[in-house]
Amino acid sequence: MNQTSEQVLLSTMLQEIRDKAAKLIEERNRLIEEKRTLVDQLVALQTRVAEQETQLAQRQAEPEPQRAMTNTSDPIVGERIRALVEEIDACIALMPHSRDMANVELLSA
């Protein structure tokens, strides 16, 4: 009777080992499939990055479009534009420079 109980115990242990091995194999297969999916996603992302880098390089290689000066047939409009530019330049010339502002602040302190 002792021998049969040992056989039953060994049989039970063997079955538990088989069950655990089957679960481990199942988990391994799931992880392998997940790895394949992740590798595929990585390759897709790397391809996308390469395409975007190529597009960026092409954009950087292209000269920036220059704004074309529009010639107007109306001389009054041209004169108004020149007057505005002169007025803006005069305003800029009248603006205090940052060094001057710093000196004024130091003197007034």
N, C-alpha and C. Protein backbone atom coordinates (compact mmCIF):
# COMPACT_ATOMS: atom_id res chain seq x y z
N MET A 1 0.82 -1.18 0.00
CA MET A 1 0.00 0.00 0.00
C MET A 1 0.87 1.26 0.00
N ASN A 2 1.99 1.19 0.65
CA ASN A 2 2.91 2.30 0.71
C ASN A 2 3.44 2.64 -0.68
N GLN A 3 3.66 1.61 -1.47
CA GLN A 3 4.19 1.81 -2.81
C GLN A 3 3.14 2.47 -3.70
N THR A 4 1.89 2.10 -3.59
CA THR A 4 0.84 2.71 -4.41
C THR A 4 0.62 4.16 -4.02
N SER A 5 0.70 4.48 -2.74
CA SER A 5 0.53 5.87 -2.33
C SER A 5 1.70 6.72 -2.85
N GLU A 6 2.89 6.16 -2.90
CA GLU A 6 4.03 6.87 -3.47
C GLU A 6 3.83 7.07 -4.97
N GLN A 7 3.29 6.06 -5.64
CA GLN A 7 3.02 6.18 -7.07
C GLN A 7 1.96 7.25 -7.34
N VAL A 8 0.95 7.27 -6.51
CA VAL A 8 -0.09 8.30 -6.65
C VAL A 8 0.51 9.68 -6.42
N LEU A 9 1.34 9.79 -5.40
CA LEU A 9 1.98 11.07 -5.11
C LEU A 9 2.89 11.50 -6.26
N LEU A 10 3.69 10.57 -6.76
CA LEU A 10 4.56 10.87 -7.89
C LEU A 10 3.75 11.21 -9.14
N SER A 11 2.66 10.50 -9.33
CA SER A 11 1.79 10.76 -10.47
C SER A 11 1.18 12.16 -10.37
N THR A 12 0.76 12.53 -9.18
CA THR A 12 0.19 13.86 -8.95
C THR A 12 1.24 14.94 -9.19
N MET A 13 2.44 14.71 -8.66
CA MET A 13 3.52 15.67 -8.85
C MET A 13 3.88 15.80 -10.32
N LEU A 14 3.91 14.69 -11.03
CA LEU A 14 4.22 14.71 -12.45
C LEU A 14 3.16 15.50 -13.21
N GLN A 15 1.90 15.31 -12.86
CA GLN A 15 0.82 16.04 -13.52
C GLN A 15 0.93 17.54 -13.24
N GLU A 16 1.27 17.89 -12.01
CA GLU A 16 1.45 19.31 -11.66
C GLU A 16 2.60 19.92 -12.47
N ILE A 17 3.67 19.14 -12.61
CA ILE A 17 4.82 19.62 -13.40
C ILE A 17 4.40 19.82 -14.85
N ARG A 18 3.63 18.89 -15.40
CA ARG A 18 3.16 19.01 -16.79
C ARG A 18 2.27 20.24 -16.95
N ASP A 19 1.37 20.45 -15.96
CA ASP A 19 0.48 21.60 -16.03
C ASP A 19 1.27 22.92 -15.99
N LYS A 20 2.24 22.98 -15.08
CA LYS A 20 3.07 24.19 -14.98
C LYS A 20 3.88 24.40 -16.25
N ALA A 21 4.41 23.31 -16.80
CA ALA A 21 5.18 23.41 -18.04
C ALA A 21 4.30 23.90 -19.18
N ALA A 22 3.07 23.39 -19.25
CA ALA A 22 2.14 23.82 -20.30
C ALA A 22 1.83 25.31 -20.16
N LYS A 23 1.61 25.77 -18.92
CA LYS A 23 1.33 27.19 -18.69
C LYS A 23 2.54 28.05 -19.07
N LEU A 24 3.73 27.57 -18.73
CA LEU A 24 4.94 28.32 -19.07
C LEU A 24 5.14 28.39 -20.58
N ILE A 25 4.87 27.28 -21.26
CA ILE A 25 4.98 27.27 -22.72
C ILE A 25 3.96 28.23 -23.34
N GLU A 26 2.76 28.23 -22.79
CA GLU A 26 1.71 29.13 -23.28
C GLU A 26 2.11 30.59 -23.07
N GLU A 27 2.65 30.88 -21.90
CA GLU A 27 3.11 32.24 -21.60
C GLU A 27 4.26 32.64 -22.51
N ARG A 28 5.18 31.72 -22.74
CA ARG A 28 6.31 31.99 -23.64
C ARG A 28 5.82 32.31 -25.04
N ASN A 29 4.87 31.53 -25.53
CA ASN A 29 4.33 31.77 -26.87
C ASN A 29 3.63 33.12 -26.95
N ARG A 30 2.91 33.48 -25.89
CA ARG A 30 2.24 34.79 -25.86
C ARG A 30 3.27 35.91 -25.89
N LEU A 31 4.34 35.75 -25.11
CA LEU A 31 5.39 36.77 -25.08
C LEU A 31 6.11 36.88 -26.42
N ILE A 32 6.33 35.76 -27.06
CA ILE A 32 6.97 35.78 -28.38
C ILE A 32 6.09 36.54 -29.38
N GLU A 33 4.80 36.29 -29.34
CA GLU A 33 3.87 36.99 -30.23
C GLU A 33 3.83 38.48 -29.92
N GLU A 34 3.83 38.81 -28.64
CA GLU A 34 3.85 40.21 -28.24
C GLU A 34 5.13 40.89 -28.71
N LYS A 35 6.24 40.18 -28.61
CA LYS A 35 7.52 40.72 -29.08
C LYS A 35 7.46 40.99 -30.58
N ARG A 36 6.89 40.06 -31.34
CA ARG A 36 6.75 40.26 -32.79
C ARG A 36 5.94 41.52 -33.09
N THR A 37 4.85 41.67 -32.35
CA THR A 37 4.00 42.85 -32.55
C THR A 37 4.78 44.13 -32.25
N LEU A 38 5.51 44.12 -31.14
CA LEU A 38 6.29 45.30 -30.77
C LEU A 38 7.39 45.59 -31.78
N VAL A 39 8.03 44.56 -32.29
CA VAL A 39 9.08 44.75 -33.30
C VAL A 39 8.46 45.35 -34.57
N ASP A 40 7.29 44.85 -34.96
CA ASP A 40 6.62 45.40 -36.14
C ASP A 40 6.28 46.87 -35.93
N GLN A 41 5.79 47.21 -34.75
CA GLN A 41 5.47 48.61 -34.45
C GLN A 41 6.73 49.47 -34.47
N LEU A 42 7.82 48.93 -33.93
CA LEU A 42 9.08 49.66 -33.92
C LEU A 42 9.57 49.92 -35.34
N VAL A 43 9.50 48.92 -36.18
CA VAL A 43 9.94 49.08 -37.58
C VAL A 43 9.07 50.13 -38.27
N ALA A 44 7.76 50.09 -38.03
CA ALA A 44 6.86 51.07 -38.63
C ALA A 44 7.21 52.48 -38.16
N LEU A 45 7.49 52.63 -36.86
CA LEU A 45 7.85 53.94 -36.34
C LEU A 45 9.20 54.42 -36.89
N GLN A 46 10.16 53.52 -37.01
CA GLN A 46 11.46 53.90 -37.57
C GLN A 46 11.31 54.33 -39.02
N THR A 47 10.46 53.64 -39.76
CA THR A 47 10.22 54.02 -41.15
C THR A 47 9.58 55.40 -41.22
N ARG A 48 8.63 55.63 -40.33
CA ARG A 48 7.95 56.93 -40.30
C ARG A 48 8.93 58.05 -39.95
N VAL A 49 9.80 57.80 -38.98
CA VAL A 49 10.80 58.80 -38.60
C VAL A 49 11.73 59.08 -39.77
N ALA A 50 12.16 58.04 -40.47
CA ALA A 50 13.04 58.22 -41.62
C ALA A 50 12.36 59.06 -42.70
N GLU A 51 11.08 58.79 -42.95
CA GLU A 51 10.34 59.57 -43.94
C GLU A 51 10.25 61.03 -43.52
N GLN A 52 9.97 61.26 -42.24
CA GLN A 52 9.85 62.64 -41.77
C GLN A 52 11.20 63.36 -41.81
N GLU A 53 12.28 62.65 -41.51
CA GLU A 53 13.61 63.26 -41.60
C GLU A 53 13.94 63.62 -43.04
N THR A 54 13.54 62.76 -43.97
CA THR A 54 13.76 63.04 -45.39
C THR A 54 12.98 64.28 -45.81
N GLN A 55 11.72 64.35 -45.38
CA GLN A 55 10.91 65.52 -45.71
C GLN A 55 11.50 66.79 -45.10
N LEU A 56 11.98 66.68 -43.87
CA LEU A 56 12.58 67.84 -43.22
C LEU A 56 13.83 68.29 -43.96
N ALA A 57 14.66 67.34 -44.36
CA ALA A 57 15.87 67.68 -45.11
C ALA A 57 15.52 68.35 -46.43
N GLN A 58 14.48 67.85 -47.09
CA GLN A 58 14.06 68.47 -48.35
C GLN A 58 13.57 69.89 -48.12
N ARG A 59 12.80 70.08 -47.05
CA ARG A 59 12.30 71.43 -46.77
C ARG A 59 13.43 72.39 -46.42
N GLN A 60 14.42 71.87 -45.69
CA GLN A 60 15.54 72.73 -45.32
C GLN A 60 16.41 73.05 -46.53
N ALA A 61 16.45 72.15 -47.50
CA ALA A 61 17.26 72.38 -48.69
C ALA A 61 16.61 73.40 -49.62
N GLU A 62 15.30 73.51 -49.57
CA GLU A 62 14.60 74.46 -50.43
C GLU A 62 14.80 75.87 -49.88
N PRO A 63 15.09 76.82 -50.77
CA PRO A 63 15.20 78.19 -50.29
C PRO A 63 13.82 78.71 -49.90
N GLU A 64 13.83 79.56 -48.89
CA GLU A 64 12.56 80.12 -48.45
C GLU A 64 12.03 81.05 -49.53
N PRO A 65 10.75 80.99 -49.77
CA PRO A 65 10.20 81.85 -50.82
C PRO A 65 10.32 83.32 -50.41
N GLN A 66 10.76 84.11 -51.35
CA GLN A 66 10.90 85.54 -51.11
C GLN A 66 9.58 86.21 -51.42
N ARG A 67 9.23 87.12 -50.54
CA ARG A 67 8.01 87.86 -50.82
C ARG A 67 8.30 88.83 -51.95
N ALA A 68 7.49 88.72 -52.96
CA ALA A 68 7.69 89.59 -54.11
C ALA A 68 7.12 90.97 -53.81
N MET A 69 7.89 91.95 -54.17
CA MET A 69 7.40 93.31 -54.01
C MET A 69 6.36 93.54 -55.09
N THR A 70 5.25 94.01 -54.67
CA THR A 70 4.19 94.26 -55.64
C THR A 70 4.33 95.68 -56.15
N ASN A 71 4.50 95.75 -57.41
CA ASN A 71 4.58 97.06 -58.04
C ASN A 71 3.17 97.57 -58.23
N THR A 72 2.96 98.73 -57.73
CA THR A 72 1.63 99.31 -57.87
C THR A 72 1.68 100.39 -58.94
N SER A 73 0.66 100.43 -59.67
CA SER A 73 0.61 101.44 -60.72
C SER A 73 0.14 102.78 -60.17
N ASP A 74 -0.30 102.76 -58.90
CA ASP A 74 -0.79 103.98 -58.27
C ASP A 74 0.36 104.64 -57.52
N PRO A 75 0.87 105.77 -58.00
CA PRO A 75 2.02 106.42 -57.34
C PRO A 75 1.67 106.95 -55.95
N ILE A 76 0.41 107.23 -55.69
CA ILE A 76 0.00 107.75 -54.38
C ILE A 76 0.21 106.68 -53.31
N VAL A 77 -0.13 105.42 -53.65
CA VAL A 77 0.05 104.32 -52.70
C VAL A 77 1.53 104.14 -52.39
N GLY A 78 2.36 104.18 -53.39
CA GLY A 78 3.80 104.05 -53.19
C GLY A 78 4.34 105.16 -52.30
N GLU A 79 3.85 106.38 -52.51
CA GLU A 79 4.29 107.51 -51.70
C GLU A 79 3.83 107.36 -50.25
N ARG A 80 2.63 106.85 -50.04
CA ARG A 80 2.13 106.63 -48.68
C ARG A 80 2.98 105.59 -47.96
N ILE A 81 3.35 104.54 -48.67
CA ILE A 81 4.18 103.49 -48.07
C ILE A 81 5.53 104.07 -47.67
N ARG A 82 6.14 104.86 -48.55
CA ARG A 82 7.42 105.47 -48.23
C ARG A 82 7.30 106.39 -47.01
N ALA A 83 6.22 107.14 -46.93
CA ALA A 83 6.01 108.04 -45.80
C ALA A 83 5.86 107.25 -44.50
N LEU A 84 5.14 106.14 -44.56
CA LEU A 84 4.98 105.31 -43.36
C LEU A 84 6.31 104.72 -42.91
N VAL A 85 7.11 104.28 -43.87
CA VAL A 85 8.42 103.72 -43.53
C VAL A 85 9.29 104.79 -42.87
N GLU A 86 9.27 105.99 -43.41
CA GLU A 86 10.06 107.08 -42.82
C GLU A 86 9.57 107.40 -41.41
N GLU A 87 8.25 107.39 -41.22
CA GLU A 87 7.70 107.67 -39.90
C GLU A 87 8.09 106.60 -38.89
N ILE A 88 8.07 105.35 -39.32
CA ILE A 88 8.48 104.24 -38.44
C ILE A 88 9.95 104.38 -38.09
N ASP A 89 10.78 104.69 -39.09
CA ASP A 89 12.21 104.87 -38.83
C ASP A 89 12.45 106.01 -37.83
N ALA A 90 11.68 107.09 -37.97
CA ALA A 90 11.84 108.22 -37.06
C ALA A 90 11.43 107.83 -35.64
N CYS A 91 10.37 107.06 -35.50
CA CYS A 91 9.94 106.61 -34.18
C CYS A 91 10.99 105.71 -33.54
N ILE A 92 11.57 104.85 -34.33
CA ILE A 92 12.61 103.95 -33.81
C ILE A 92 13.81 104.77 -33.36
N ALA A 93 14.16 105.80 -34.14
CA ALA A 93 15.31 106.63 -33.78
C ALA A 93 15.06 107.37 -32.47
N LEU A 94 13.81 107.73 -32.21
CA LEU A 94 13.49 108.47 -30.99
C LEU A 94 13.40 107.58 -29.76
N MET A 95 13.27 106.29 -29.96
CA MET A 95 13.14 105.37 -28.82
C MET A 95 14.46 105.30 -28.06
N PRO A 96 14.40 105.34 -26.73
CA PRO A 96 15.65 105.23 -25.96
C PRO A 96 16.22 103.82 -26.07
N HIS A 97 17.52 103.76 -26.11
CA HIS A 97 18.18 102.46 -26.18
C HIS A 97 18.24 101.84 -24.79
N SER A 98 18.41 100.55 -24.73
CA SER A 98 18.41 99.86 -23.43
C SER A 98 19.56 100.33 -22.55
N ARG A 99 20.70 100.67 -23.15
CA ARG A 99 21.83 101.18 -22.35
C ARG A 99 21.47 102.52 -21.73
N ASP A 100 20.83 103.37 -22.53
CA ASP A 100 20.43 104.67 -22.01
C ASP A 100 19.44 104.51 -20.88
N MET A 101 18.50 103.57 -21.03
CA MET A 101 17.51 103.33 -19.98
C MET A 101 18.19 102.84 -18.70
N ALA A 102 19.19 101.99 -18.85
CA ALA A 102 19.91 101.48 -17.68
C ALA A 102 20.64 102.62 -16.97
N ASN A 103 21.25 103.52 -17.75
CA ASN A 103 21.96 104.66 -17.15
C ASN A 103 20.99 105.57 -16.41
N VAL A 104 19.82 105.81 -16.99
CA VAL A 104 18.82 106.67 -16.34
C VAL A 104 18.38 106.04 -15.04
N GLU A 105 18.16 104.74 -15.03
CA GLU A 105 17.74 104.06 -13.81
C GLU A 105 18.81 104.13 -12.74
N LEU A 106 20.07 103.99 -13.15
CA LEU A 106 21.16 104.07 -12.17
C LEU A 106 21.29 105.47 -11.59
N LEU A 107 21.12 106.48 -12.44
CA LEU A 107 21.25 107.85 -11.97
C LEU A 107 20.09 108.25 -11.07
N SER A 108 18.91 107.73 -11.35
CA SER A 108 17.74 108.12 -10.55
C SER A 108 17.66 107.34 -9.25
N ALA A 109 18.44 106.30 -9.09
CA ALA A 109 18.35 105.47 -7.88
C ALA A 109 19.08 106.07 -6.72
